[in-house]
């Protein structure tokens, strides 16, 4: 049994190595092409390519919302919260995500966005990335 394993193991490895190397030049060429596309782009274009419509929406929010505002982000995505907070800084971004406690707002249940809740948390804008909406709270 040991002799069979000693013979088969190198054969399996060599076969795997051959199959891996056959497609390697094509993969390297694809990576080179993708890198050459981004070399000619500025940072804004790279971010738009990377984040898509979400980045465009956040830039629109940044232009429309004052820097001292408190923003409530209606989303269940930690990605949207993280990048929304980053790109909207110095605005404070709050979010309710039922499975995570972020900014102390979540108690593992969804928040009802009532006028009382918004006043209590000093929320001045509500943004909904999936609908590309910005709502000013009265």
Protein backbone atom coordinates (compact mmCIF):
# COMPACT_ATOMS: atom_id res chain seq x y z
CA UNK A 1 0.00 0.00 0.00
CA UNK A 2 2.83 2.42 0.87
CA UNK A 3 4.55 1.73 -2.46
CA UNK A 4 1.37 2.53 -4.36
CA UNK A 5 0.97 5.85 -2.49
CA UNK A 6 4.63 6.74 -3.12
CA UNK A 7 4.11 6.17 -6.85
CA UNK A 8 0.64 7.75 -7.20
CA UNK A 9 1.26 10.88 -5.09
CA UNK A 10 3.97 12.36 -7.34
CA UNK A 11 1.94 11.46 -10.44
CA UNK A 12 -1.14 13.25 -9.09
CA UNK A 13 0.97 16.28 -8.15
CA UNK A 14 2.66 16.42 -11.57
CA UNK A 15 -0.71 16.09 -13.34
CA UNK A 16 -2.16 18.90 -11.21
CA UNK A 17 0.89 21.07 -11.91
CA UNK A 18 0.56 20.54 -15.67
CA UNK A 19 -3.15 21.46 -15.66
CA UNK A 20 -2.43 24.52 -13.51
CA UNK A 21 0.37 25.75 -15.78
CA UNK A 22 -1.62 25.27 -19.02
CA UNK A 23 -3.99 28.16 -18.18
CA UNK A 24 -1.42 30.33 -16.44
CA UNK A 25 -0.35 32.49 -19.42
CA UNK A 26 -3.99 33.35 -20.21
CA UNK A 27 -4.63 34.32 -16.58
CA UNK A 28 -1.48 36.46 -16.47
CA UNK A 29 -2.54 38.22 -19.68
CA UNK A 30 -6.01 38.94 -18.25
CA UNK A 31 -4.51 40.43 -15.09
CA UNK A 32 -2.14 42.61 -17.15
CA UNK A 33 -5.05 43.93 -19.23
CA UNK A 34 -7.13 44.74 -16.14
CA UNK A 35 -4.19 46.54 -14.51
CA UNK A 36 -3.47 48.56 -17.66
CA UNK A 37 -7.09 49.78 -17.71
CA UNK A 38 -6.87 51.21 -14.19
CA UNK A 39 -3.43 52.81 -14.71
CA UNK A 40 -4.91 55.57 -16.85
CA UNK A 41 -7.74 56.29 -14.37
CA UNK A 42 -7.71 58.86 -11.59
CA UNK A 43 -8.79 57.93 -8.03
CA UNK A 44 -12.42 58.98 -8.56
CA UNK A 45 -12.75 56.78 -11.65
CA UNK A 46 -11.17 53.81 -9.84
CA UNK A 47 -13.61 54.18 -6.94
CA UNK A 48 -16.54 54.42 -9.34
CA UNK A 49 -15.34 51.26 -11.09
CA UNK A 50 -14.88 49.46 -7.76
CA UNK A 51 -18.06 50.53 -5.90
CA UNK A 52 -20.35 51.39 -8.84
CA UNK A 53 -23.63 53.21 -8.23
CA UNK A 54 -23.13 53.20 -4.45
CA UNK A 55 -20.08 55.44 -4.75
CA UNK A 56 -21.91 57.84 -7.09
CA UNK A 57 -24.82 57.99 -4.63
CA UNK A 58 -22.55 58.64 -1.64
CA UNK A 59 -20.80 61.45 -3.54
CA UNK A 60 -24.22 62.95 -4.27
CA UNK A 61 -25.08 62.71 -0.55
CA UNK A 62 -21.77 64.33 0.34
CA UNK A 63 -22.60 67.29 -1.90
CA UNK A 64 -26.15 67.72 -0.56
CA UNK A 65 -25.79 67.02 3.17
CA UNK A 66 -24.09 69.54 5.49
CA UNK A 67 -20.94 68.39 7.31
CA UNK A 68 -22.47 68.73 10.80
CA UNK A 69 -25.49 66.52 9.98
CA UNK A 70 -26.42 63.20 11.55
CA UNK A 71 -27.40 60.72 8.84
CA UNK A 72 -29.40 57.51 9.22
CA UNK A 73 -28.43 54.94 6.60
CA UNK A 74 -31.26 52.53 5.77
CA UNK A 75 -29.36 49.39 4.88
CA UNK A 76 -28.68 45.86 6.01
CA UNK A 77 -25.18 45.87 4.54
CA UNK A 78 -22.10 46.38 6.69
CA UNK A 79 -20.27 47.28 3.46
CA UNK A 80 -22.62 50.24 2.86
CA UNK A 81 -22.30 51.36 6.49
CA UNK A 82 -18.51 51.16 6.51
CA UNK A 83 -17.93 52.93 3.19
CA UNK A 84 -20.82 55.32 3.77
CA UNK A 85 -19.29 56.37 7.10
CA UNK A 86 -15.86 56.70 5.51
CA UNK A 87 -16.89 58.81 2.53
CA UNK A 88 -19.45 60.93 4.41
CA UNK A 89 -17.04 61.88 7.21
CA UNK A 90 -17.30 64.23 9.22
CA UNK A 91 -21.06 63.57 9.13
CA UNK A 92 -22.13 61.02 11.73
CA UNK A 93 -23.68 57.97 10.08
CA UNK A 94 -26.07 55.76 12.05
CA UNK A 95 -27.49 52.46 10.84
CA UNK A 96 -29.78 49.77 12.11
CA UNK A 97 -28.70 46.29 11.26
CA UNK A 98 -30.67 43.69 13.24
CA UNK A 99 -27.77 41.24 13.62
CA UNK A 100 -25.12 43.73 14.70
CA UNK A 101 -24.91 46.49 17.27
CA UNK A 102 -23.59 49.55 15.48
CA UNK A 103 -23.57 52.94 17.18
CA UNK A 104 -25.70 51.53 19.98
CA UNK A 105 -28.92 51.82 17.97
CA UNK A 106 -29.70 48.17 17.40
CA UNK A 107 -31.14 45.86 20.00
CA UNK A 108 -31.42 42.92 17.60
CA UNK A 109 -34.69 44.25 16.23
CA UNK A 110 -35.41 46.72 13.44
CA UNK A 111 -35.88 50.38 14.31
CA UNK A 112 -39.10 52.18 13.43
CA UNK A 113 -38.06 55.44 11.83
CA UNK A 114 -40.56 57.62 13.63
CA UNK A 115 -40.30 61.36 14.11
CA UNK A 116 -39.70 60.75 17.82
CA UNK A 117 -36.80 58.37 17.06
CA UNK A 118 -35.22 60.88 14.67
CA UNK A 119 -35.52 63.73 17.20
CA UNK A 120 -34.15 61.57 20.03
CA UNK A 121 -31.07 60.63 17.97
CA UNK A 122 -30.70 64.07 16.35
CA UNK A 123 -31.07 62.57 12.86
CA UNK A 124 -31.36 65.24 10.18
CA UNK A 125 -31.18 63.09 7.01
CA UNK A 126 -32.23 59.57 6.07
CA UNK A 127 -30.49 58.01 3.08
CA UNK A 128 -31.57 54.87 1.23
CA UNK A 129 -28.79 53.67 -1.11
CA UNK A 130 -30.86 50.95 -2.81
CA UNK A 131 -33.41 53.55 -3.93
CA UNK A 132 -30.85 56.36 -4.29
CA UNK A 133 -32.96 58.59 -2.03
CA UNK A 134 -31.98 61.34 0.38
CA UNK A 135 -34.76 62.48 2.74
CA UNK A 136 -34.42 65.53 4.98
CA UNK A 137 -36.08 64.97 8.36
CA UNK A 138 -38.38 67.81 9.42
